[in-house]
Amino acid sequence: MDGNWTDNLDKGRQRLFDLANSFPILAGRLVDYDIERRHGMEAVARMSADARLYYVLEAIAGGPFGSGGARAAEFCLHVLNDDAPFNLARAVNTWDQGNRAAFQAWAANPWTL
């Protein structure tokens, strides 16, 4: 993809991307996260920006940024699909104040895709 892959996100996925970046543990890490190792360079090159965001969040939920990053990614995936697993008590006990504040900002005006 030319330029930053996030330039091609639809409006809803851009909102999800912004939500993910509101978590300090994820801020700035989504754009540069290397999913090519997991899915292969050719597969990633063919992905839409929306699909790439999903796969990046899914990979981060696997824990490369520790349990706080995993819980933040799980939360974002849950906002995308309310059937996705998310345990609020576990997340709040894992997050520091900055990550809790990101969740609280969403909770003050919740939305889903």
C-alpha atoms as a PDB file:
ATOM      1  CA  MET A   1       0.000   0.000   0.000  1.00  0.00           C
ATOM      2  CA  ASP A   2       1.153   3.466  -0.765  1.00  0.00           C
ATOM      3  CA  GLY A   3       1.619   5.819   2.155  1.00  0.00           C
ATOM      4  CA  ASN A   4       0.179   5.079   5.547  1.00  0.00           C
ATOM      5  CA  TRP A   5      -2.339   2.222   5.374  1.00  0.00           C
ATOM      6  CA  THR A   6      -4.588   4.038   7.834  1.00  0.00           C
ATOM      7  CA  ASP A   7      -5.310   6.716   5.213  1.00  0.00           C
ATOM      8  CA  ASN A   8      -7.699   4.213   3.596  1.00  0.00           C
ATOM      9  CA  LEU A   9      -9.821   3.340   6.641  1.00  0.00           C
ATOM     10  CA  ASP A  10     -13.564   3.841   6.348  1.00  0.00           C
ATOM     11  CA  LYS A  11     -15.180   6.289   8.793  1.00  0.00           C
ATOM     12  CA  GLY A  12     -16.154   3.640  11.362  1.00  0.00           C
ATOM     13  CA  ARG A  13     -12.777   1.927  11.315  1.00  0.00           C
ATOM     14  CA  GLN A  14     -11.060   5.316  11.608  1.00  0.00           C
ATOM     15  CA  ARG A  15     -13.094   5.873  14.763  1.00  0.00           C
ATOM     16  CA  LEU A  16     -11.960   2.452  16.045  1.00  0.00           C
ATOM     17  CA  PHE A  17      -8.344   3.270  15.154  1.00  0.00           C
ATOM     18  CA  ASP A  18      -8.634   6.541  17.077  1.00  0.00           C
ATOM     19  CA  LEU A  19     -10.130   4.683  20.061  1.00  0.00           C
ATOM     20  CA  ALA A  20      -7.230   2.210  20.050  1.00  0.00           C
ATOM     21  CA  ASN A  21      -4.739   5.065  19.897  1.00  0.00           C
ATOM     22  CA  SER A  22      -6.419   6.707  22.894  1.00  0.00           C
ATOM     23  CA  PHE A  23      -4.985   3.881  25.016  1.00  0.00           C
ATOM     24  CA  PRO A  24      -1.432   4.951  25.930  1.00  0.00           C
ATOM     25  CA  ILE A  25      -0.227   1.356  25.698  1.00  0.00           C
ATOM     26  CA  LEU A  26      -1.339   1.183  22.039  1.00  0.00           C
ATOM     27  CA  ALA A  27      -0.763   4.798  20.991  1.00  0.00           C
ATOM     28  CA  GLY A  28       1.400   4.965  17.883  1.00  0.00           C
ATOM     29  CA  ARG A  29       1.969   1.216  17.778  1.00  0.00           C
ATOM     30  CA  LEU A  30      -0.797   0.157  15.393  1.00  0.00           C
ATOM     31  CA  VAL A  31       0.622   1.763  12.260  1.00  0.00           C
ATOM     32  CA  ASP A  32       4.039   0.169  12.627  1.00  0.00           C
ATOM     33  CA  TYR A  33       2.987  -3.212  14.025  1.00  0.00           C
ATOM     34  CA  ASP A  34       4.471  -5.945  11.846  1.00  0.00           C
ATOM     35  CA  ILE A  35       1.682  -8.362  10.927  1.00  0.00           C
ATOM     36  CA  GLU A  36       3.627  -9.472   7.855  1.00  0.00           C
ATOM     37  CA  ARG A  37       5.428 -12.073   9.979  1.00  0.00           C
ATOM     38  CA  ARG A  38       2.110 -13.639  10.933  1.00  0.00           C
ATOM     39  CA  HIS A  39       0.193 -13.366   7.653  1.00  0.00           C
ATOM     40  CA  GLY A  40       2.928 -12.998   5.015  1.00  0.00           C
ATOM     41  CA  MET A  41       3.937  -9.931   3.042  1.00  0.00           C
ATOM     42  CA  GLU A  42       1.785 -10.732   0.006  1.00  0.00           C
ATOM     43  CA  ALA A  43      -1.338 -11.405   2.070  1.00  0.00           C
ATOM     44  CA  VAL A  44      -0.939  -8.143   3.961  1.00  0.00           C
ATOM     45  CA  ALA A  45      -0.345  -6.200   0.753  1.00  0.00           C
ATOM     46  CA  ARG A  46      -3.722  -7.449  -0.553  1.00  0.00           C
ATOM     47  CA  MET A  47      -5.613  -6.603   2.658  1.00  0.00           C
ATOM     48  CA  SER A  48      -7.911  -3.633   2.786  1.00  0.00           C
ATOM     49  CA  ALA A  49      -7.025  -1.075   5.430  1.00  0.00           C
ATOM     50  CA  ASP A  50     -10.100  -2.150   7.395  1.00  0.00           C
ATOM     51  CA  ALA A  51      -9.000  -5.795   7.396  1.00  0.00           C
ATOM     52  CA  ARG A  52      -5.472  -4.817   8.360  1.00  0.00           C
ATOM     53  CA  LEU A  53      -6.759  -2.902  11.400  1.00  0.00           C
ATOM     54  CA  TYR A  54      -8.691  -5.983  12.511  1.00  0.00           C
ATOM     55  CA  TYR A  55      -5.667  -8.263  12.120  1.00  0.00           C
ATOM     56  CA  VAL A  56      -3.352  -5.819  13.899  1.00  0.00           C
ATOM     57  CA  LEU A  57      -5.749  -5.643  16.871  1.00  0.00           C
ATOM     58  CA  GLU A  58      -6.130  -9.426  16.837  1.00  0.00           C
ATOM     59  CA  ALA A  59      -2.345  -9.887  16.867  1.00  0.00           C
ATOM     60  CA  ILE A  60      -1.885  -7.368  19.696  1.00  0.00           C
ATOM     61  CA  ALA A  61      -4.583  -9.149  21.705  1.00  0.00           C
ATOM     62  CA  GLY A  62      -2.126 -12.061  21.638  1.00  0.00           C
ATOM     63  CA  GLY A  63       0.089 -10.110  24.022  1.00  0.00           C
ATOM     64  CA  PRO A  64       3.188  -8.600  22.347  1.00  0.00           C
ATOM     65  CA  PHE A  65       2.714  -5.408  24.401  1.00  0.00           C
ATOM     66  CA  GLY A  66       1.924  -7.232  27.627  1.00  0.00           C
ATOM     67  CA  SER A  67      -1.391  -7.896  29.256  1.00  0.00           C
ATOM     68  CA  GLY A  68      -2.390  -4.207  29.294  1.00  0.00           C
ATOM     69  CA  GLY A  69      -1.968  -3.969  25.531  1.00  0.00           C
ATOM     70  CA  ALA A  70      -3.791  -7.251  25.068  1.00  0.00           C
ATOM     71  CA  ARG A  71      -6.747  -6.050  27.147  1.00  0.00           C
ATOM     72  CA  ALA A  72      -6.892  -2.742  25.232  1.00  0.00           C
ATOM     73  CA  ALA A  73      -6.879  -4.582  21.892  1.00  0.00           C
ATOM     74  CA  GLU A  74      -9.525  -7.026  23.160  1.00  0.00           C
ATOM     75  CA  PHE A  75     -11.689  -4.074  24.170  1.00  0.00           C
ATOM     76  CA  CYS A  76     -11.373  -2.480  20.733  1.00  0.00           C
ATOM     77  CA  LEU A  77     -12.261  -5.783  19.078  1.00  0.00           C
ATOM     78  CA  HIS A  78     -15.281  -5.996  21.404  1.00  0.00           C
ATOM     79  CA  VAL A  79     -16.402  -2.525  20.297  1.00  0.00           C
ATOM     80  CA  LEU A  80     -16.105  -3.775  16.716  1.00  0.00           C
ATOM     81  CA  ASN A  81     -17.985  -7.015  17.470  1.00  0.00           C
ATOM     82  CA  ASP A  82     -19.801  -7.436  20.774  1.00  0.00           C
ATOM     83  CA  ASP A  83     -19.404 -11.213  20.489  1.00  0.00           C
ATOM     84  CA  ALA A  84     -15.625 -10.825  20.823  1.00  0.00           C
ATOM     85  CA  PRO A  85     -14.459 -11.828  24.303  1.00  0.00           C
ATOM     86  CA  PHE A  86     -13.679  -9.034  26.748  1.00  0.00           C
ATOM     87  CA  ASN A  87     -13.467  -9.120  30.542  1.00  0.00           C
ATOM     88  CA  LEU A  88     -13.814  -5.611  31.983  1.00  0.00           C
ATOM     89  CA  ALA A  89     -12.756  -6.545  35.517  1.00  0.00           C
ATOM     90  CA  ARG A  90      -9.574  -8.179  34.244  1.00  0.00           C
ATOM     91  CA  ALA A  91      -8.841  -5.207  31.996  1.00  0.00           C
ATOM     92  CA  VAL A  92      -9.338  -2.585  34.710  1.00  0.00           C
ATOM     93  CA  ASN A  93      -7.107  -4.545  37.083  1.00  0.00           C
ATOM     94  CA  THR A  94      -4.421  -4.668  34.370  1.00  0.00           C
ATOM     95  CA  TRP A  95      -4.521  -1.098  33.064  1.00  0.00           C
ATOM     96  CA  ASP A  96      -2.711   1.837  34.578  1.00  0.00           C
ATOM     97  CA  GLN A  97      -4.526   5.154  35.102  1.00  0.00           C
ATOM     98  CA  GLY A  98      -3.896   6.377  31.547  1.00  0.00           C
ATOM     99  CA  ASN A  99      -5.436   3.281  29.991  1.00  0.00           C
ATOM    100  CA  ARG A 100      -8.337   3.370  32.448  1.00  0.00           C
ATOM    101  CA  ALA A 101      -8.915   6.995  31.438  1.00  0.00           C
ATOM    102  CA  ALA A 102      -9.124   5.967  27.763  1.00  0.00           C
ATOM    103  CA  PHE A 103     -11.776   3.401  28.646  1.00  0.00           C
ATOM    104  CA  GLN A 104     -13.645   5.893  30.844  1.00  0.00           C
ATOM    105  CA  ALA A 105     -13.710   8.435  28.012  1.00  0.00           C
ATOM    106  CA  TRP A 106     -15.334   5.831  25.746  1.00  0.00           C
ATOM    107  CA  ALA A 107     -17.732   4.733  28.537  1.00  0.00           C
ATOM    108  CA  ALA A 108     -18.900   8.339  29.030  1.00  0.00           C
ATOM    109  CA  ASN A 109     -20.230   8.269  25.442  1.00  0.00           C
ATOM    110  CA  PRO A 110     -20.215   4.634  24.289  1.00  0.00           C
ATOM    111  CA  TRP A 111     -20.565   3.544  20.681  1.00  0.00           C
ATOM    112  CA  THR A 112     -20.130   0.362  18.658  1.00  0.00           C
ATOM    113  CA  LEU A 113     -19.651  -0.439  14.996  1.00  0.00           C
END
